C-alpha atoms as a PDB file:
ATOM      1  CA  MET A   1       9.976   4.481   1.165  1.00  0.00           C
ATOM      2  CA  ARG A   2       6.471   3.535   3.102  1.00  0.00           C
ATOM      3  CA  ALA A   3       5.114   5.926   0.817  1.00  0.00           C
ATOM      4  CA  LEU A   4       6.176   4.415  -2.405  1.00  0.00           C
ATOM      5  CA  THR A   5       5.497   0.941  -1.455  1.00  0.00           C
ATOM      6  CA  ARG A   6       1.880   1.874  -0.429  1.00  0.00           C
ATOM      7  CA  ILE A   7       1.438   3.646  -3.655  1.00  0.00           C
ATOM      8  CA  ARG A   8       2.330   1.020  -5.628  1.00  0.00           C
ATOM      9  CA  HIS A   9       0.134  -1.759  -3.882  1.00  0.00           C
ATOM     10  CA  TYR A  10      -2.788   0.838  -4.173  1.00  0.00           C
ATOM     11  CA  GLY A  11      -2.049   0.676  -8.101  1.00  0.00           C
ATOM     12  CA  GLN A  12      -1.560  -2.850  -8.313  1.00  0.00           C
ATOM     13  CA  ALA A  13      -5.597  -2.919  -6.222  1.00  0.00           C
ATOM     14  CA  VAL A  14      -6.965  -0.729  -8.489  1.00  0.00           C
ATOM     15  CA  ARG A  15      -5.908  -2.788 -11.616  1.00  0.00           C
ATOM     16  CA  GLN A  16      -7.411  -5.959 -10.294  1.00  0.00           C
ATOM     17  CA  ALA A  17     -10.444  -4.051 -10.327  1.00  0.00           C
ATOM     18  CA  LYS A  18     -13.095  -6.007 -12.570  1.00  0.00           C
ATOM     19  CA  ARG A  19     -16.360  -4.352 -12.177  1.00  0.00           C
ATOM     20  CA  HIS A  20     -18.219  -1.419 -10.760  1.00  0.00           C
ATOM     21  CA  ARG A  21     -14.803   0.473 -11.525  1.00  0.00           C
ATOM     22  CA  SER A  22     -16.508   3.986 -11.802  1.00  0.00           C
ATOM     23  CA  ASP A  23     -19.153   3.772  -8.578  1.00  0.00           C
ATOM     24  CA  LEU A  24     -17.555   6.370  -6.768  1.00  0.00           C
ATOM     25  CA  ILE A  25     -15.753   8.736  -8.884  1.00  0.00           C
ATOM     26  CA  GLY A  26     -19.144   8.763 -10.746  1.00  0.00           C
ATOM     27  CA  TRP A  27     -20.456  10.169  -7.762  1.00  0.00           C
ATOM     28  CA  LEU A  28     -17.537  12.012  -6.710  1.00  0.00           C
ATOM     29  CA  LEU A  29     -17.289  14.004  -9.955  1.00  0.00           C
ATOM     30  CA  ARG A  30     -20.558  15.496  -9.262  1.00  0.00           C
ATOM     31  CA  ARG A  31     -19.445  17.346  -6.397  1.00  0.00           C
ATOM     32  CA  PRO A  32     -15.467  18.409  -7.676  1.00  0.00           C
ATOM     33  CA  GLN A  33     -14.919  20.266  -4.420  1.00  0.00           C
ATOM     34  CA  ILE A  34     -15.519  16.998  -2.347  1.00  0.00           C
ATOM     35  CA  LEU A  35     -13.538  15.142  -4.761  1.00  0.00           C
ATOM     36  CA  VAL A  36     -10.641  17.069  -4.482  1.00  0.00           C
ATOM     37  CA  SER A  37     -10.979  17.427  -0.620  1.00  0.00           C
ATOM     38  CA  THR A  38     -11.224  13.678  -0.560  1.00  0.00           C
ATOM     39  CA  LEU A  39      -8.307  13.045  -2.654  1.00  0.00           C
ATOM     40  CA  VAL A  40      -6.031  15.568  -0.501  1.00  0.00           C
ATOM     41  CA  PHE A  41      -7.093  13.719   2.890  1.00  0.00           C
ATOM     42  CA  GLU A  42      -6.210   9.996   0.846  1.00  0.00           C
ATOM     43  CA  THR A  43      -2.733  11.487   0.010  1.00  0.00           C
ATOM     44  CA  ALA A  44      -2.241  12.802   3.346  1.00  0.00           C
ATOM     45  CA  LEU A  45      -2.772   9.555   4.864  1.00  0.00           C
ATOM     46  CA  LEU A  46      -0.742   7.843   2.448  1.00  0.00           C
ATOM     47  CA  PHE A  47       2.186  10.003   3.018  1.00  0.00           C
ATOM     48  CA  ALA A  48       2.067   9.822   6.581  1.00  0.00           C
ATOM     49  CA  ASN A  49       4.365   7.025   7.513  1.00  0.00           C
ATOM     50  CA  ARG A  50       5.430   6.818  11.031  1.00  0.00           C
ATOM     51  CA  LEU A  51       2.910   3.768  11.597  1.00  0.00           C
ATOM     52  CA  ASP A  52       3.804   0.560  10.345  1.00  0.00           C
ATOM     53  CA  PRO A  53       1.217   0.195   7.435  1.00  0.00           C
ATOM     54  CA  ARG A  54       0.211  -3.676   8.607  1.00  0.00           C
ATOM     55  CA  LEU A  55      -1.305  -1.649  11.490  1.00  0.00           C
ATOM     56  CA  LYS A  56      -3.321   0.678   9.472  1.00  0.00           C
ATOM     57  CA  GLU A  57      -4.437  -1.956   7.378  1.00  0.00           C
ATOM     58  CA  LEU A  58      -5.749  -4.011  10.473  1.00  0.00           C
ATOM     59  CA  ALA A  59      -7.428  -1.257  11.752  1.00  0.00           C
ATOM     60  CA  GLU A  60      -9.114   0.159   8.317  1.00  0.00           C
ATOM     61  CA  LEU A  61     -10.419  -3.614   7.461  1.00  0.00           C
ATOM     62  CA  LYS A  62     -11.849  -3.609  11.376  1.00  0.00           C
ATOM     63  CA  THR A  63     -13.437  -0.775  10.892  1.00  0.00           C
ATOM     64  CA  ALA A  64     -15.199  -1.523   7.435  1.00  0.00           C
ATOM     65  CA  GLY A  65     -16.175  -4.462   8.381  1.00  0.00           C
ATOM     66  CA  LEU A  66     -17.817  -2.939  11.504  1.00  0.00           C
ATOM     67  CA  ILE A  67     -19.889  -0.634   9.212  1.00  0.00           C
ATOM     68  CA  ASN A  68     -20.490  -3.415   6.405  1.00  0.00           C
ATOM     69  CA  CYS A  69     -18.838  -1.313   3.559  1.00  0.00           C
ATOM     70  CA  GLU A  70     -18.409  -4.227   0.854  1.00  0.00           C
ATOM     71  CA  PHE A  71     -16.173  -1.821  -1.366  1.00  0.00           C
ATOM     72  CA  CYS A  72     -13.816  -1.106   1.736  1.00  0.00           C
ATOM     73  CA  LEU A  73     -13.666  -4.797   2.637  1.00  0.00           C
ATOM     74  CA  ASP A  74     -12.693  -5.416  -1.103  1.00  0.00           C
ATOM     75  CA  ILE A  75      -9.776  -2.875  -1.645  1.00  0.00           C
ATOM     76  CA  GLY A  76      -8.688  -3.189   2.171  1.00  0.00           C
ATOM     77  CA  SER A  77      -8.540  -7.254   1.950  1.00  0.00           C
ATOM     78  CA  ALA A  78      -6.120  -6.604  -1.420  1.00  0.00           C
ATOM     79  CA  LEU A  79      -4.139  -4.129   0.052  1.00  0.00           C
ATOM     80  CA  ALA A  80      -3.793  -5.839   3.530  1.00  0.00           C
ATOM     81  CA  ALA A  81      -2.710  -9.311   1.376  1.00  0.00           C
ATOM     82  CA  SER A  82       0.101  -6.833  -0.223  1.00  0.00           C
ATOM     83  CA  SER A  83       1.266  -5.466   2.745  1.00  0.00           C
ATOM     84  CA  GLY A  84       1.903  -8.948   4.227  1.00  0.00           C
ATOM     85  CA  LEU A  85      -0.982  -9.395   6.398  1.00  0.00           C
ATOM     86  CA  SER A  86      -1.626 -13.460   6.712  1.00  0.00           C
ATOM     87  CA  GLU A  87      -5.165 -15.316   5.341  1.00  0.00           C
ATOM     88  CA  GLN A  88      -5.350 -16.116   8.928  1.00  0.00           C
ATOM     89  CA  GLN A  89      -5.361 -12.643  10.366  1.00  0.00           C
ATOM     90  CA  LEU A  90      -8.051 -11.378   7.501  1.00  0.00           C
ATOM     91  CA  LEU A  91     -10.315 -14.187   8.400  1.00  0.00           C
ATOM     92  CA  ASP A  92     -10.069 -13.706  12.287  1.00  0.00           C
ATOM     93  CA  LEU A  93     -10.675 -10.181  12.599  1.00  0.00           C
ATOM     94  CA  PRO A  94     -14.488 -10.755  14.031  1.00  0.00           C
ATOM     95  CA  ARG A  95     -12.478 -12.752  16.805  1.00  0.00           C
ATOM     96  CA  TYR A  96      -9.454 -11.325  17.021  1.00  0.00           C
ATOM     97  CA  ARG A  97      -9.308 -11.202  20.914  1.00  0.00           C
ATOM     98  CA  THR A  98      -9.138 -15.026  21.111  1.00  0.00           C
ATOM     99  CA  SER A  99      -7.009 -15.524  17.956  1.00  0.00           C
ATOM    100  CA  ASP A 100      -3.342 -16.549  17.843  1.00  0.00           C
ATOM    101  CA  ALA A 101      -2.443 -15.141  14.453  1.00  0.00           C
ATOM    102  CA  TYR A 102      -2.135 -11.646  16.278  1.00  0.00           C
ATOM    103  CA  THR A 103       0.501  -9.857  18.281  1.00  0.00           C
ATOM    104  CA  PRO A 104      -0.297  -8.000  21.452  1.00  0.00           C
ATOM    105  CA  ILE A 105       0.365  -4.858  19.697  1.00  0.00           C
ATOM    106  CA  GLN A 106      -1.992  -6.118  16.689  1.00  0.00           C
ATOM    107  CA  LYS A 107      -4.747  -6.738  19.344  1.00  0.00           C
ATOM    108  CA  LEU A 108      -4.655  -3.581  20.592  1.00  0.00           C
ATOM    109  CA  VAL A 109      -4.920  -1.738  17.142  1.00  0.00           C
ATOM    110  CA  ILE A 110      -7.949  -3.820  16.346  1.00  0.00           C
ATOM    111  CA  ALA A 111      -9.474  -3.056  19.880  1.00  0.00           C
ATOM    112  CA  TYR A 112      -8.864   0.521  19.352  1.00  0.00           C
ATOM    113  CA  ALA A 113     -10.484   0.706  15.657  1.00  0.00           C
ATOM    114  CA  GLU A 114     -13.112  -0.705  17.480  1.00  0.00           C
ATOM    115  CA  ALA A 115     -13.936   1.216  20.290  1.00  0.00           C
ATOM    116  CA  THR A 116     -13.309   4.487  18.140  1.00  0.00           C
ATOM    117  CA  THR A 117     -15.951   3.228  15.598  1.00  0.00           C
ATOM    118  CA  ALA A 118     -18.672   2.139  17.950  1.00  0.00           C
ATOM    119  CA  THR A 119     -21.672   4.405  18.034  1.00  0.00           C
ATOM    120  CA  PRO A 120     -22.064   6.133  20.498  1.00  0.00           C
ATOM    121  CA  ALA A 121     -18.448   6.236  21.133  1.00  0.00           C
ATOM    122  CA  VAL A 122     -17.120   4.538  24.072  1.00  0.00           C
ATOM    123  CA  SER A 123     -14.389   5.539  26.619  1.00  0.00           C
ATOM    124  CA  MET A 124     -10.713   4.944  25.419  1.00  0.00           C
ATOM    125  CA  ALA A 125      -8.774   6.526  28.005  1.00  0.00           C
ATOM    126  CA  ASP A 126      -7.289   2.796  29.375  1.00  0.00           C
ATOM    127  CA  LEU A 127      -7.029   1.668  25.842  1.00  0.00           C
ATOM    128  CA  ARG A 128      -5.229   4.695  24.681  1.00  0.00           C
ATOM    129  CA  ALA A 129      -2.649   4.574  27.447  1.00  0.00           C
ATOM    130  CA  ASP A 130      -1.705   1.271  26.468  1.00  0.00           C
ATOM    131  CA  LEU A 131      -1.456   1.902  22.979  1.00  0.00           C
ATOM    132  CA  LEU A 132       1.007   5.010  24.242  1.00  0.00           C
ATOM    133  CA  THR A 133       3.319   2.544  25.524  1.00  0.00           C
ATOM    134  CA  HIS A 134       4.014   0.666  22.129  1.00  0.00           C
ATOM    135  CA  LEU A 135       3.378   3.899  19.653  1.00  0.00           C
ATOM    136  CA  SER A 136       4.425   7.501  19.815  1.00  0.00           C
ATOM    137  CA  ARG A 137       1.852  10.159  19.754  1.00  0.00           C
ATOM    138  CA  SER A 138       2.265  11.000  16.460  1.00  0.00           C
ATOM    139  CA  GLN A 139       1.773   7.466  15.353  1.00  0.00           C
ATOM    140  CA  LEU A 140      -1.069   7.169  17.724  1.00  0.00           C
ATOM    141  CA  ALA A 141      -2.516  10.514  15.700  1.00  0.00           C
ATOM    142  CA  GLU A 142      -2.065   8.932  12.862  1.00  0.00           C
ATOM    143  CA  LEU A 143      -3.593   5.845  13.806  1.00  0.00           C
ATOM    144  CA  ALA A 144      -6.753   7.704  14.817  1.00  0.00           C
ATOM    145  CA  ALA A 145      -6.917   9.566  11.774  1.00  0.00           C
ATOM    146  CA  ALA A 146      -6.675   6.548   9.588  1.00  0.00           C
ATOM    147  CA  ILE A 147      -9.664   4.950  11.726  1.00  0.00           C
ATOM    148  CA  ALA A 148     -11.642   8.128  11.531  1.00  0.00           C
ATOM    149  CA  TRP A 149     -10.903   8.651   7.752  1.00  0.00           C
ATOM    150  CA  GLU A 150     -12.186   4.865   7.227  1.00  0.00           C
ATOM    151  CA  ASN A 151     -15.706   5.685   8.972  1.00  0.00           C
ATOM    152  CA  GLN A 152     -15.537   8.270   6.533  1.00  0.00           C
ATOM    153  CA  ARG A 153     -15.171   6.686   3.633  1.00  0.00           C
ATOM    154  CA  ALA A 154     -17.291   3.402   4.549  1.00  0.00           C
ATOM    155  CA  ARG A 155     -20.194   5.483   5.378  1.00  0.00           C
ATOM    156  CA  LEU A 156     -20.163   7.695   2.279  1.00  0.00           C
ATOM    157  CA  ASN A 157     -19.273   4.565   0.121  1.00  0.00           C
ATOM    158  CA  GLN A 158     -22.458   2.753   1.949  1.00  0.00           C
ATOM    159  CA  GLY A 159     -24.657   6.035   1.253  1.00  0.00           C
ATOM    160  CA  LEU A 160     -23.911   5.991  -2.281  1.00  0.00           C
ATOM    161  CA  GLY A 161     -24.039   2.334  -2.868  1.00  0.00           C
ATOM    162  CA  VAL A 162     -20.702   1.891  -4.171  1.00  0.00           C
ATOM    163  CA  ARG A 163     -20.155  -1.743  -4.521  1.00  0.00           C
ATOM    164  CA  PRO A 164     -16.930  -4.149  -4.563  1.00  0.00           C
ATOM    165  CA  THR A 165     -14.896  -4.242  -7.640  1.00  0.00           C
ATOM    166  CA  GLY A 166     -13.105  -7.405  -7.318  1.00  0.00           C
ATOM    167  CA  MET A 167      -9.685  -6.265  -6.208  1.00  0.00           C
ATOM    168  CA  ALA A 168      -9.336  -9.067  -3.770  1.00  0.00           C
ATOM    169  CA  GLU A 169     -11.074 -11.869  -5.935  1.00  0.00           C
ATOM    170  CA  GLY A 170      -8.708 -15.077  -5.271  1.00  0.00           C
ATOM    171  CA  LEU A 171      -7.561 -13.765  -1.924  1.00  0.00           C
ATOM    172  CA  ALA A 172      -8.856 -14.502   1.440  1.00  0.00           C
ATOM    173  CA  CYS A 173     -11.113 -11.612   2.573  1.00  0.00           C
ATOM    174  CA  ALA A 174     -11.903 -10.020   5.541  1.00  0.00           C
ATOM    175  CA  LEU A 175     -16.091 -10.269   5.674  1.00  0.00           C
ATOM    176  CA  PRO A 176     -18.410  -7.998   7.316  1.00  0.00           C
ATOM    177  CA  GLU A 177     -19.338  -8.198  11.075  1.00  0.00           C
ATOM    178  CA  PRO A 178     -22.805  -8.914  12.415  1.00  0.00           C
ATOM    179  CA  ARG A 179     -23.786  -6.080  14.823  1.00  0.00           C
ATOM    180  CA  ALA A 180     -23.535  -6.591  18.208  1.00  0.00           C
ATOM    181  CA  THR A 181     -27.526  -6.663  19.826  1.00  0.00           C
ATOM    182  CA  PRO A 182     -27.716  -4.385  22.780  1.00  0.00           C
END
């Protein structure tokens, strides 16, 4: 049932696109093998349903914000809104640690996305152990795959210059996060 709901949310978001609709597909059509492999992995993640979709949405939005992928933030904000995340949760992502908008598990998931997206990668043993007190191993595997895929998506979109389409127009939208200075 979750997969059908997520498919419906994706359809709604794509129908909201107002501009630059063919940016990504235009690039991927030039390399059909990459297009097909992308669609296969997207579909696999869509049908992976052990983890609450709202946790995936938060993790993916945090990742997109850290990478500064405007297209990912656009579609991610639309999907997050349709999955039930609040405006405050979208706006507070950069300051999630001090925000009252998140539950303890949501804060752990966002911290995990942040640690997984960091370059160079940071030690996550304690964070992983904390998450495993709330999630099963299969849920954590799904979360890690979703974050890793969002890193791939966001970096591919950035590399190709894929622009936002306006899917989240009129909604609260997660914002790019400034890079931390060393």
